[in-house]
Amino acid sequence: MNSIVTFMFLLNLLYSPPPSSAAQATSKTATTKEILSTGKDITTYFSQLINENDIIVFSRTRCMHCIEDCTNVKKNLYRNKRKYGYSWKVVELDELEGKDGPMIQNYLMKKTKKKMVPHVFIHGKFIGGS
């Protein structure tokens, strides 16, 4: 996928109306109570990320899909953050402590029905990935 087209698609979604509440952003089917090294359960961690950021990208530093597609998207997000005023965060799953990365990836797989990263969320809505 062309990184410019991807970036423009992300910007369009970013400026579409956000969900009416954060409760819509979390999955009702994901009921895991696994505890991360921070002491939070995965659902709480994910909800907090949704509430604090307009765009969230879950990726891996060594993933061929992440390296190819996400690197340019990350650069464009960083470059245009001030211009458009959105908040964003990239969570590199393989750089998290202990088993947090695999636990979060399993949670994302249950939530999105997609096993591979990257996972991109805008206003709490999963818009795609690998």
N, C-alpha and C. Protein backbone atom coordinates (compact mmCIF):
# COMPACT_ATOMS: atom_id res chain seq x y z
N MET A 1 0.85 -1.18 0.00
CA MET A 1 0.00 0.00 0.00
C MET A 1 0.89 1.24 0.00
N ASN A 2 0.55 2.18 -0.84
CA ASN A 2 1.31 3.42 -0.93
C ASN A 2 1.21 4.17 0.40
N SER A 3 2.35 4.57 0.97
CA SER A 3 2.35 5.20 2.29
C SER A 3 1.65 6.56 2.28
N ILE A 4 1.69 7.30 1.18
CA ILE A 4 0.99 8.59 1.10
C ILE A 4 -0.51 8.37 1.12
N VAL A 5 -0.99 7.38 0.37
CA VAL A 5 -2.42 7.06 0.36
C VAL A 5 -2.84 6.62 1.76
N THR A 6 -2.01 5.80 2.39
CA THR A 6 -2.31 5.34 3.75
C THR A 6 -2.39 6.52 4.70
N PHE A 7 -1.44 7.44 4.60
CA PHE A 7 -1.45 8.59 5.49
C PHE A 7 -2.69 9.45 5.27
N MET A 8 -3.08 9.68 4.02
CA MET A 8 -4.26 10.49 3.74
C MET A 8 -5.52 9.79 4.26
N PHE A 9 -5.57 8.47 4.13
CA PHE A 9 -6.69 7.71 4.67
C PHE A 9 -6.77 7.87 6.18
N LEU A 10 -5.62 7.81 6.84
CA LEU A 10 -5.58 8.00 8.30
C LEU A 10 -6.06 9.39 8.68
N LEU A 11 -5.65 10.39 7.96
CA LEU A 11 -6.10 11.75 8.27
C LEU A 11 -7.60 11.91 8.08
N ASN A 12 -8.16 11.31 7.02
CA ASN A 12 -9.62 11.36 6.82
C ASN A 12 -10.35 10.73 7.99
N LEU A 13 -9.88 9.58 8.42
CA LEU A 13 -10.52 8.91 9.55
C LEU A 13 -10.34 9.69 10.84
N LEU A 14 -9.18 10.30 11.00
CA LEU A 14 -8.91 11.06 12.20
C LEU A 14 -9.89 12.21 12.35
N TYR A 15 -10.25 12.84 11.27
CA TYR A 15 -11.13 14.00 11.35
C TYR A 15 -12.59 13.66 11.14
N SER A 16 -12.93 12.39 11.09
CA SER A 16 -14.33 11.99 11.13
C SER A 16 -14.76 12.03 12.59
N PRO A 17 -16.04 12.16 12.86
CA PRO A 17 -16.48 12.27 14.26
C PRO A 17 -16.05 11.07 15.09
N PRO A 18 -15.57 11.31 16.31
CA PRO A 18 -15.16 10.20 17.18
C PRO A 18 -16.38 9.47 17.71
N PRO A 19 -16.19 8.28 18.28
CA PRO A 19 -17.31 7.57 18.88
C PRO A 19 -17.92 8.41 19.99
N SER A 20 -19.20 8.19 20.25
CA SER A 20 -19.89 9.01 21.24
C SER A 20 -19.38 8.79 22.66
N SER A 21 -18.78 7.66 22.92
CA SER A 21 -18.21 7.43 24.24
C SER A 21 -17.07 6.43 24.16
N ALA A 22 -16.22 6.47 25.17
CA ALA A 22 -15.08 5.54 25.20
C ALA A 22 -15.55 4.10 25.35
N ALA A 23 -16.75 3.91 25.89
CA ALA A 23 -17.26 2.57 26.07
C ALA A 23 -17.44 1.87 24.73
N GLN A 24 -17.76 2.64 23.66
CA GLN A 24 -17.90 2.05 22.34
C GLN A 24 -16.56 1.60 21.80
N ALA A 25 -15.49 2.18 22.30
CA ALA A 25 -14.16 1.87 21.78
C ALA A 25 -13.64 0.53 22.25
N THR A 26 -14.15 0.03 23.34
CA THR A 26 -13.66 -1.24 23.85
C THR A 26 -14.61 -2.36 23.46
N SER A 27 -14.07 -3.50 23.22
CA SER A 27 -14.87 -4.64 22.80
C SER A 27 -15.62 -5.25 23.97
N LYS A 28 -16.89 -5.57 23.73
CA LYS A 28 -17.66 -6.22 24.77
C LYS A 28 -17.35 -7.72 24.84
N THR A 29 -16.75 -8.24 23.76
CA THR A 29 -16.46 -9.67 23.74
C THR A 29 -15.13 -10.01 24.39
N ALA A 30 -14.24 -9.05 24.49
CA ALA A 30 -12.93 -9.32 25.08
C ALA A 30 -13.03 -9.19 26.60
N THR A 31 -12.96 -10.31 27.29
CA THR A 31 -13.16 -10.29 28.73
C THR A 31 -11.94 -10.81 29.48
N THR A 32 -10.80 -10.75 28.88
CA THR A 32 -9.60 -11.27 29.52
C THR A 32 -9.24 -10.43 30.75
N LYS A 33 -8.76 -11.06 31.77
CA LYS A 33 -8.35 -10.36 32.99
C LYS A 33 -6.87 -10.59 33.26
N GLU A 34 -6.10 -10.77 32.20
CA GLU A 34 -4.67 -10.94 32.37
C GLU A 34 -4.07 -9.61 32.84
N ILE A 35 -3.15 -9.72 33.78
CA ILE A 35 -2.55 -8.53 34.37
C ILE A 35 -1.17 -8.28 33.75
N LEU A 36 -0.96 -7.04 33.31
CA LEU A 36 0.32 -6.64 32.73
C LEU A 36 1.32 -6.33 33.84
N SER A 37 2.57 -6.14 33.47
CA SER A 37 3.60 -5.84 34.47
C SER A 37 3.36 -4.50 35.16
N THR A 38 2.54 -3.63 34.57
CA THR A 38 2.21 -2.34 35.19
C THR A 38 1.17 -2.49 36.29
N GLY A 39 0.55 -3.67 36.40
CA GLY A 39 -0.48 -3.89 37.40
C GLY A 39 -1.89 -3.69 36.84
N LYS A 40 -2.00 -3.22 35.61
CA LYS A 40 -3.31 -3.01 34.98
C LYS A 40 -3.69 -4.25 34.20
N ASP A 41 -5.00 -4.50 34.10
CA ASP A 41 -5.41 -5.57 33.20
C ASP A 41 -5.41 -5.01 31.78
N ILE A 42 -5.40 -5.89 30.80
CA ILE A 42 -5.25 -5.48 29.40
C ILE A 42 -6.40 -4.57 28.96
N THR A 43 -7.62 -4.88 29.36
CA THR A 43 -8.76 -4.07 28.96
C THR A 43 -8.62 -2.64 29.48
N THR A 44 -8.18 -2.47 30.72
CA THR A 44 -7.97 -1.14 31.29
C THR A 44 -6.86 -0.41 30.55
N TYR A 45 -5.77 -1.11 30.27
CA TYR A 45 -4.64 -0.53 29.54
C TYR A 45 -5.09 -0.04 28.17
N PHE A 46 -5.82 -0.88 27.45
CA PHE A 46 -6.28 -0.53 26.12
C PHE A 46 -7.25 0.66 26.18
N SER A 47 -8.19 0.63 27.10
CA SER A 47 -9.15 1.74 27.25
C SER A 47 -8.44 3.05 27.55
N GLN A 48 -7.42 2.99 28.38
CA GLN A 48 -6.66 4.19 28.72
C GLN A 48 -5.96 4.75 27.48
N LEU A 49 -5.37 3.87 26.67
CA LEU A 49 -4.73 4.32 25.43
C LEU A 49 -5.75 4.98 24.49
N ILE A 50 -6.93 4.38 24.39
CA ILE A 50 -7.99 4.91 23.53
C ILE A 50 -8.40 6.31 24.00
N ASN A 51 -8.54 6.48 25.30
CA ASN A 51 -8.98 7.76 25.85
C ASN A 51 -7.91 8.85 25.73
N GLU A 52 -6.65 8.47 25.74
CA GLU A 52 -5.55 9.44 25.75
C GLU A 52 -5.01 9.79 24.36
N ASN A 53 -5.34 9.01 23.34
CA ASN A 53 -4.74 9.21 22.01
C ASN A 53 -5.79 9.13 20.91
N ASP A 54 -5.64 10.00 19.91
CA ASP A 54 -6.51 9.94 18.74
C ASP A 54 -6.14 8.77 17.84
N ILE A 55 -4.84 8.51 17.70
CA ILE A 55 -4.34 7.43 16.85
C ILE A 55 -3.42 6.54 17.67
N ILE A 56 -3.63 5.23 17.56
CA ILE A 56 -2.75 4.27 18.22
C ILE A 56 -2.33 3.24 17.19
N VAL A 57 -1.02 3.00 17.12
CA VAL A 57 -0.48 1.99 16.22
C VAL A 57 0.25 0.96 17.09
N PHE A 58 -0.19 -0.29 17.01
CA PHE A 58 0.51 -1.39 17.67
C PHE A 58 1.36 -2.06 16.60
N SER A 59 2.66 -2.13 16.84
CA SER A 59 3.55 -2.73 15.85
C SER A 59 4.68 -3.47 16.54
N ARG A 60 5.58 -3.99 15.74
CA ARG A 60 6.79 -4.65 16.22
C ARG A 60 7.97 -4.08 15.45
N THR A 61 9.08 -3.90 16.13
CA THR A 61 10.24 -3.29 15.48
C THR A 61 10.82 -4.18 14.39
N ARG A 62 10.63 -5.48 14.48
CA ARG A 62 11.23 -6.40 13.50
C ARG A 62 10.21 -7.00 12.53
N CYS A 63 9.01 -6.50 12.53
CA CYS A 63 7.96 -7.04 11.66
C CYS A 63 8.10 -6.46 10.25
N MET A 64 8.14 -7.32 9.23
CA MET A 64 8.34 -6.82 7.87
C MET A 64 7.21 -5.90 7.43
N HIS A 65 5.97 -6.18 7.86
CA HIS A 65 4.85 -5.31 7.50
C HIS A 65 4.98 -3.96 8.19
N CYS A 66 5.39 -3.97 9.45
CA CYS A 66 5.54 -2.73 10.21
C CYS A 66 6.67 -1.88 9.64
N ILE A 67 7.77 -2.52 9.33
CA ILE A 67 8.92 -1.79 8.80
C ILE A 67 8.56 -1.14 7.47
N GLU A 68 7.91 -1.91 6.60
CA GLU A 68 7.61 -1.42 5.27
C GLU A 68 6.54 -0.32 5.28
N ASP A 69 5.41 -0.57 5.91
CA ASP A 69 4.29 0.37 5.86
C ASP A 69 4.30 1.40 6.98
N CYS A 70 4.57 0.95 8.19
CA CYS A 70 4.41 1.83 9.35
C CYS A 70 5.50 2.87 9.48
N THR A 71 6.67 2.59 8.99
CA THR A 71 7.75 3.56 9.15
C THR A 71 7.38 4.89 8.50
N ASN A 72 6.87 4.85 7.29
CA ASN A 72 6.47 6.09 6.62
C ASN A 72 5.27 6.73 7.30
N VAL A 73 4.32 5.92 7.73
CA VAL A 73 3.15 6.46 8.43
C VAL A 73 3.58 7.13 9.73
N LYS A 74 4.48 6.48 10.48
CA LYS A 74 4.97 7.06 11.74
C LYS A 74 5.67 8.39 11.49
N LYS A 75 6.48 8.44 10.43
CA LYS A 75 7.16 9.70 10.10
C LYS A 75 6.16 10.80 9.77
N ASN A 76 5.14 10.46 8.98
CA ASN A 76 4.12 11.46 8.63
C ASN A 76 3.31 11.89 9.84
N LEU A 77 3.00 10.97 10.73
CA LEU A 77 2.28 11.33 11.95
C LEU A 77 3.11 12.31 12.78
N TYR A 78 4.38 12.01 12.93
CA TYR A 78 5.26 12.87 13.71
C TYR A 78 5.40 14.24 13.06
N ARG A 79 5.61 14.26 11.76
CA ARG A 79 5.81 15.50 11.02
C ARG A 79 4.58 16.41 11.07
N ASN A 80 3.39 15.83 11.03
CA ASN A 80 2.16 16.62 10.92
C ASN A 80 1.39 16.76 12.22
N LYS A 81 1.94 16.27 13.32
CA LYS A 81 1.23 16.32 14.60
C LYS A 81 0.87 17.75 14.98
N ARG A 82 1.81 18.64 14.91
CA ARG A 82 1.56 20.03 15.29
C ARG A 82 0.57 20.69 14.33
N LYS A 83 0.70 20.40 13.05
CA LYS A 83 -0.16 21.01 12.04
C LYS A 83 -1.63 20.64 12.24
N TYR A 84 -1.91 19.37 12.53
CA TYR A 84 -3.28 18.89 12.65
C TYR A 84 -3.77 18.77 14.09
N GLY A 85 -2.87 18.77 15.04
CA GLY A 85 -3.23 18.77 16.45
C GLY A 85 -3.78 17.47 17.01
N TYR A 86 -3.46 16.35 16.43
CA TYR A 86 -3.92 15.08 16.96
C TYR A 86 -2.89 14.49 17.93
N SER A 87 -3.34 13.62 18.78
CA SER A 87 -2.42 12.90 19.66
C SER A 87 -2.29 11.48 19.13
N TRP A 88 -1.08 10.92 19.22
CA TRP A 88 -0.88 9.57 18.73
C TRP A 88 0.20 8.88 19.53
N LYS A 89 0.17 7.57 19.44
CA LYS A 89 1.15 6.77 20.15
C LYS A 89 1.41 5.50 19.35
N VAL A 90 2.67 5.12 19.30
CA VAL A 90 3.06 3.85 18.69
C VAL A 90 3.51 2.94 19.82
N VAL A 91 2.90 1.77 19.93
CA VAL A 91 3.27 0.80 20.94
C VAL A 91 4.02 -0.33 20.24
N GLU A 92 5.32 -0.40 20.49
CA GLU A 92 6.14 -1.46 19.92
C GLU A 92 6.04 -2.66 20.86
N LEU A 93 5.29 -3.66 20.45
CA LEU A 93 4.98 -4.79 21.33
C LEU A 93 6.22 -5.57 21.76
N ASP A 94 7.22 -5.65 20.90
CA ASP A 94 8.42 -6.41 21.25
C ASP A 94 9.37 -5.64 22.16
N GLU A 95 9.06 -4.40 22.47
CA GLU A 95 9.89 -3.62 23.38
C GLU A 95 9.26 -3.48 24.77
N LEU A 96 8.10 -4.08 24.98
CA LEU A 96 7.44 -4.02 26.28
C LEU A 96 8.07 -5.03 27.23
N GLU A 97 7.88 -4.79 28.52
CA GLU A 97 8.48 -5.66 29.54
C GLU A 97 7.87 -7.06 29.55
N GLY A 98 8.70 -8.03 29.84
CA GLY A 98 8.26 -9.40 30.07
C GLY A 98 7.35 -9.95 29.00
N LYS A 99 6.19 -10.44 29.44
CA LYS A 99 5.22 -11.05 28.53
C LYS A 99 4.12 -10.08 28.12
N ASP A 100 4.30 -8.78 28.40
CA ASP A 100 3.27 -7.79 28.08
C ASP A 100 2.97 -7.74 26.58
N GLY A 101 4.00 -7.76 25.75
CA GLY A 101 3.81 -7.69 24.30
C GLY A 101 2.95 -8.82 23.76
N PRO A 102 3.31 -10.08 24.05
CA PRO A 102 2.48 -11.19 23.57
C PRO A 102 1.06 -11.16 24.16
N MET A 103 0.93 -10.74 25.41
CA MET A 103 -0.41 -10.66 26.02
C MET A 103 -1.26 -9.62 25.31
N ILE A 104 -0.69 -8.47 25.00
CA ILE A 104 -1.44 -7.42 24.30
C ILE A 104 -1.75 -7.86 22.88
N GLN A 105 -0.80 -8.52 22.22
CA GLN A 105 -1.06 -8.99 20.86
C GLN A 105 -2.20 -10.02 20.85
N ASN A 106 -2.25 -10.92 21.84
CA ASN A 106 -3.35 -11.87 21.94
C ASN A 106 -4.68 -11.15 22.16
N TYR A 107 -4.67 -10.11 23.00
CA TYR A 107 -5.88 -9.32 23.24
C TYR A 107 -6.34 -8.66 21.94
N LEU A 108 -5.39 -8.09 21.20
CA LEU A 108 -5.74 -7.45 19.93
C LEU A 108 -6.29 -8.46 18.93
N MET A 109 -5.72 -9.66 18.92
CA MET A 109 -6.19 -10.70 18.02
C MET A 109 -7.65 -11.06 18.34
N LYS A 110 -7.98 -11.18 19.63
CA LYS A 110 -9.36 -11.49 20.01
C LYS A 110 -10.29 -10.34 19.65
N LYS A 111 -9.82 -9.13 19.82
CA LYS A 111 -10.64 -7.94 19.58
C LYS A 111 -10.87 -7.69 18.10
N THR A 112 -9.83 -7.87 17.28
CA THR A 112 -9.91 -7.49 15.86
C THR A 112 -10.04 -8.67 14.91
N LYS A 113 -9.81 -9.88 15.41
CA LYS A 113 -9.79 -11.09 14.57
C LYS A 113 -8.63 -11.08 13.58
N LYS A 114 -7.61 -10.27 13.85
CA LYS A 114 -6.40 -10.21 13.03
C LYS A 114 -5.22 -10.59 13.90
N LYS A 115 -4.41 -11.53 13.44
CA LYS A 115 -3.30 -12.02 14.26
C LYS A 115 -2.04 -11.16 14.12
N MET A 116 -1.77 -10.68 12.93
CA MET A 116 -0.49 -10.00 12.68
C MET A 116 -0.60 -8.51 12.93
N VAL A 117 0.51 -7.91 13.30
CA VAL A 117 0.59 -6.47 13.43
C VAL A 117 1.09 -5.91 12.10
N PRO A 118 0.87 -4.65 11.82
CA PRO A 118 0.40 -3.59 12.69
C PRO A 118 -1.12 -3.58 12.85
N HIS A 119 -1.56 -3.00 13.97
CA HIS A 119 -2.96 -2.72 14.24
C HIS A 119 -3.06 -1.20 14.42
N VAL A 120 -3.95 -0.58 13.67
CA VAL A 120 -4.11 0.87 13.74
C VAL A 120 -5.52 1.18 14.21
N PHE A 121 -5.61 2.03 15.25
CA PHE A 121 -6.90 2.47 15.78
C PHE A 121 -6.96 3.99 15.68
N ILE A 122 -8.09 4.50 15.19
CA ILE A 122 -8.33 5.93 15.17
C ILE A 122 -9.64 6.19 15.92
N HIS A 123 -9.56 7.05 16.92
CA HIS A 123 -10.71 7.33 17.81
C HIS A 123 -11.31 6.03 18.34
N GLY A 124 -10.45 5.07 18.64
CA GLY A 124 -10.91 3.81 19.22
C GLY A 124 -11.44 2.82 18.22
N LYS A 125 -11.51 3.19 16.96
CA LYS A 125 -12.02 2.30 15.92
C LYS A 125 -10.86 1.64 15.20
N PHE A 126 -10.91 0.31 15.13
CA PHE A 126 -9.88 -0.42 14.40
C PHE A 126 -10.08 -0.18 12.91
N ILE A 127 -9.05 0.38 12.26
CA ILE A 127 -9.18 0.68 10.84
C ILE A 127 -8.38 -0.27 9.97
N GLY A 128 -7.56 -1.10 10.58
CA GLY A 128 -6.84 -2.06 9.78
C GLY A 128 -5.43 -2.30 10.24
N GLY A 129 -4.74 -2.99 9.42
CA GLY A 129 -3.38 -3.37 9.71
C GLY A 129 -2.97 -4.41 8.70
N SER A 130 -2.18 -5.33 9.15
CA SER A 130 -1.67 -6.35 8.24
C SER A 130 -2.70 -7.40 7.96
